[in-house]
Amino acid sequence: MESEQIAQYKIEELIGRGGMGAVFKAKDTHLGRTVALKVLTVQDLPEDEVKKRFLREAKAGAQLSHPGIVTIFEVGEDLGHQFIAMEYVKGRTLRQLIQAKPPSILEAIDIGIAVGQALSAAHGGGIIHRDIKSDNVMVTDEGIVKVMDFGLAKIKGTSMITKEGEIMGTAAYMSPQQATGEVIDHRTDIFSLGVVLYELLTRQRPFTGDQEIVVIFSLLNEEPMGIRELNAEVPEALEQIVFKALHKEPQDRYQQVSQMVEDLEKVRQAIVAGGEVSLAELELVASEEVAVAEEREFQAQLVGREGEMAELQNLLHLATLGEGQTVLISGEAGIGKTRLVGELSKQAKTRKIRTLIGHCLHKMRSYPYQPFVEAIQEYFQIKGVDGVHRLEVFLDQRAPELKAQASVLKIFLNLEGQEHAQVVNREELLQTINKLIERVAMERPLILFVDDLQWADADTLSLFHYTSRWIRRAKVLLVGTYRPEDVSLPGEEETKLLPQVRREMSREGLLQEIPLERLRGEHLAPMVDSLFPKAEFGQDFYRTLFVETEGNPLFVLETLKLMKAEGIIFRDNGTYCLRQSPECRTIPSKVQDVIKRRLQRLDDEEREVLEMASVEGEIFNSATVADCLNLNKVVLLKMLQRLEREHHVIHTVERRYRFDHAKIRDLLYQEILPELRTEYHLIVGGHLRAHFAEDEQVIPQIAHHLVEGGDFKGSLPFLIKAGERAKRVFANAEAIGHFTKALEILEQLSWDDTQERTISMVSVQEGLGDIYALTGRHQEAVEAFTSALDLEGLPSERCSCLMRKTSGVQERQGAFDEALAALQKAEKCVEPMAQEALGRQEMGRILIDRGAVHYKMGEVEKAEEEIQKGLALLEGTEALGHQAAGYHYLGVVSRSQGDYQRAVEMHQRSLGLREKIGDRWGIALSYNNLGIAYKNQGKRDEAAEMYQRCLEIFEQIGYKLGVAGLYNNLGSLAQDRGSYEKAREMFQRSLTIREEIGNRHGVAMSLTNLGLVHLESGDYAKARENLQKSLELQQELGLGDFESITYSYLAQACAHLNDFDAAGTMAEEAVALAVGAGQRSNEGLARRVWGEVRRHMAAQAEGDQRKKLINEANLELERSLKVFQELGMEQEVGRSLLEMAHLHKQAEHLGQARESAEKSRAIFEKLEAQGDLKRSQDFIAALSGQT
């Protein structure tokens, strides 16, 4: 059409297309002016209706003459084309302006004033625009604001021309009345203007959603996020103006748009005048308005919880001071746990304390770490973070310390673009989540509430435990609620996890507990009176109510709802009365019976809606119910509103609905006929599959509903996807649950397509094997991989990969022969493809894995040979990860042979490959290995640099355990140099981190290291204290890997403190433990210490006893020296020689003393072991009389 002419208008170019037609830039050939020509193009509506709407726009516009409204020049028809010729406006729409560069606050106010003035003119002419939005307002190049598109305008005295149930307008900008098809007036435009102003000030709309029904739900039920929360520069007065316009009820908004304009002008004048914009001094129409959530009609005053609330308030106070707290609130169903936290949250809100909430779901309907994901998503929703780009902007501007963890957050929050993101390990994931929680709490103190912990899976409970440790120095109150009666249910394995976690948290001193008891008799009167003020019920009523409900708040409320619904409680001239005195028979004896009687008052359609909702769960979505029951969306939303406000069975929560109590949902669900319930599950599963098959957070629900609906085969891909997703984020228990369910189905179903079954079975068994291997369940991992290998029709490469995984598990078990046998089988798998590039790559991987096994067996030459062969096959291929592993092992082999320079070269090659593929974890390990190799060369500066680089990466990826290990390494370097203060600092940092993350094994190790550095610096009492704590912890945990070492150092400390009985006992135990465990280096240390203790004892003895002790000491020192010489541990050889020198001196064999001391000095000089070197030099000087 661009080349055509309509009437006297020659079309030049297309400007855009709207709901009713296309808009062209055109030239009026009669008057020579440029116009905007709107041409009717809609084809999918009845012709007469389209024309009426089109002409209504023209009629509305033609009646108005205002500089802020686009002028209509002509309405006509030419060659069958309906057209409107109007003023051509050169500029940009508000949407384009916002996307390009958000306006300043003053510019936003000016735009609001201009639009308001234009609307005031329209309203004065009896015209309601009905479609005010950022696309329908333009700002010219000269800065003039123009309101456009009166296509949906309502003109006073004309019909609406709408079909029944039809919504006209753009949902995100509509008032609630317009969205539900109610009668509207000019105040609907005021609401829409409020939406536009909100968007101008925050760059986002107040009511959003990915579906129209979700947007309408938000309009009806939610309050928008605070504008100042999203843009702190917005004055409070301006925020109040916008919220006044956005009131849900028309009578609560500005009654005329001119009032809103006057308020905006006052704020503008105050800003221009400079200084603080004081809400109190401006005397706005909106001065008393605030955006607050509407109180629910049937919610009683919180009574009988004064003590519990005071305890919570005290914990919250401590949290606001930076002393984070964790509390568990327990009590039976309906006792008021959630209500108590809600009341705390409401009070906290007045103190600018934020509350974020997450829910645990029963069985396998949840996704990994669901309550924490929900809470963080709620926070990001407040901040306008709705995708990867917004996340990156947020991190860049508000949390730069988390930029390195952007990929982790993408995965955790299931954002688009996370496909190539990686989580290095579980520690990185957990730390990133908690760093973000800490960042949230820096803005304002935080209540983090996790509801229904009795349903939490092992991974969520583990994160809850981890978070309780992390927040101890953050402004966070972590709250969990649970029902004791649902803990340790028969056959419900997940419910047995919470008691274990509670015990561990209590032992670590992380937990406060608040049990809620039933209400007492005196509590019922104030509770009832808060619901029915001015009631005249009498004491007999309260006593009967208490006896029948036994003080359970849920039972009380349900009974009162029933009595009101049945007219037993009624209102007469403003006073609540009882129609009859309630006898015991009036109140059912069980809360379930009360709920059942209330539900009987629903009509069939309402009951059907709630039954379908109960199938989705305690929390449900209106879109699901509408689609599954094929209901009109607006009709359904109105019904749900009735069910909330009149029947009091549901309430809105976070853009969804929730049953007022789980018992209501459970009763509805249980009363559905089994066959119908199965069908409902199938329908819900089908709906979710059709709309959310790629949404990883919904996939577990799809699987659950398809399983419950009997579509077992259809559920399989979703169970497998759910397992893979959980595995990816180290939610291991959840992954095992999904894979195990899939395995049960695979084993029970009959299959026509055996290949399809094989593919699914391999995915499941391999997934299980991977998790079992990761979590140390080695035998189960081998069994899972073996089961996969037993399947027929496996591709050669897949077979080889499974064999290599099996070998890896067996190698970690120490079953080296079995590991080699598995690799032999892997080699046979790839023989048919040996000449292909893919086969050569796989063979290269096999050889490198085989070399690693030989290294672990102590066969270093064989290891070298196999790894070299593997690297030759992989040279030039894309298998860079395995090549890096090969060079890593060559470095380790070289180090074991004492060729430290080659070790450095190999680790550098491994590092280069890992850098190519961006393997941060591998890069960090290479730096650590280089540090060890440099240390062995005596290059302590280079070692320190490598350790520091490794430390930086571990800190970036949030691997706290690794950070603690690196502080330990740096401490050892400082100790070798004799820098004991630095060593103590490093070891103390390591200890602090390990205590924070609950790494008790590491805590014991750090205490031992601290003990040693105190020992070497001469603080023997402090050394003994730390070593004793370490030993007690090791024994509690059943550790044996360094118990012998700790005993050795303890023996030394005791000897220096002249406690020779304890020293002797400790030394003997150290030797026995080391010999028994086959720990040769530990044996060498223990024997040296045993010799040293004997030497100290000899110094206190006389005669034959002295000679005997010296001989015993000499024997142990010779044994120690021999062990370290055989192991090639030079520094330890030097230390044993120096101790022998001390013994020779004590025995007055001065020549032998000097000889041993000189040998030790030479070793320490070579290794640049400054602390040891100084001790040997001091000894030689003293021996020569040259102190």
Foldseek 3Di string as FASTA:
>chain_A
DQQDAFDQWGFPAWDAADDFFTWTFTARNVVGDIWIKTKGDDDPDDPVLSVVLVVVQLVLQCLADDQQAKHWDDWDAGPRITMTTIHDAAFAFQLVCLVVPQDDLLLLLVLLLSVLVRLLRSVVQQKAQQADDRRQWGQGPVGRIHGYDSSQMDHPPDDNSDDPQDQDYDLLQFALCSLLVHDDGNLRVLQSSLQRSLCSLQVDGQFDDPDSLLSSLCNVAHWGFQSCLQPVPDAPLVSLLSVLSNDNDSVSHPVGSVLSSVSSVLQSVDVVVDDHRDLVPSPHPSSPDDTDGDDAQQDFDDPPCVVVLVVVVVQLVCLQVQQEAEEEEEAAFLQQPVVSVVVSQVVVVVVVEAEFFFEFDADQQFAFLGGLLRRVVVVVVSNVPDALVSLCVCCVPQNVLQNLVSLLVCLSNVHPPNPPRAFQDLLLNLLSSLVVVQSVCVVPAYEYEYEACLRDAPRNLLSLLLNLLSSSRGSYYYYYYHYPVSAPDVPRVRSPNVVVSVVVCVVLVSYDYHYRDADDLVGQVSRVCRSFPQEDQDPVLSVLLCVLQVRRNLLSSLLVLLCVVVVQWDDDPSYTYGPDNDDNVSRDNDSLVSLVSLLVPDDPVLLVLLLLQLLLHQKGALVLSCVLVVHSSSVSSVSVVCCCRPSNQWGDDDSIIGGPGRSSSVSSNVPPPLLVSLVSLVSSLVVCCVPPVPRLRRLSSSLVSCVSNVVLVVSLVSLLSSLVSCVSNVVLRSNLSSLVSSVVSLVPDDDPDLVVSLVSLLSSLCSNLVSCLVVVVLVSNLVSLVVNLPDPDDQLLSNLVSLQSNLVSCLVVVVLVSSLVSLVVNLVSLVVVCVPLSSLLSQLLSLQSNLVSCVSVVNLVSSLVSLVSSLVSCPPHPVLLSNLSSLQVVLVSCVQVVNLVSSLVSLVSSLVSCVVVVVLVSNLVSLQSNLVSCLSQLNNVSSLVSLVVSLVSCSSSSVLLSNLVSLQVVLVSCVLQVVLVSSLVSLVVSLVSCSSSVVLLSNLVSLQSNLVSCLLVVVLVSSLVSLVVSLVSCVVVVHQPCNLVSLLSNLSSCLVVVVLVSSQVSLVVSCVSCVVVVPLLSNLSSLQSNLLSLLSVLVVDDDPSNVVSLVSSVVSLVSSLVSCVVSVPLLSNLVSLQSVLVSCVSVVVNVSSLVSLVSSLVSCVSSVSNSSNVVSVVVNCVSVVND
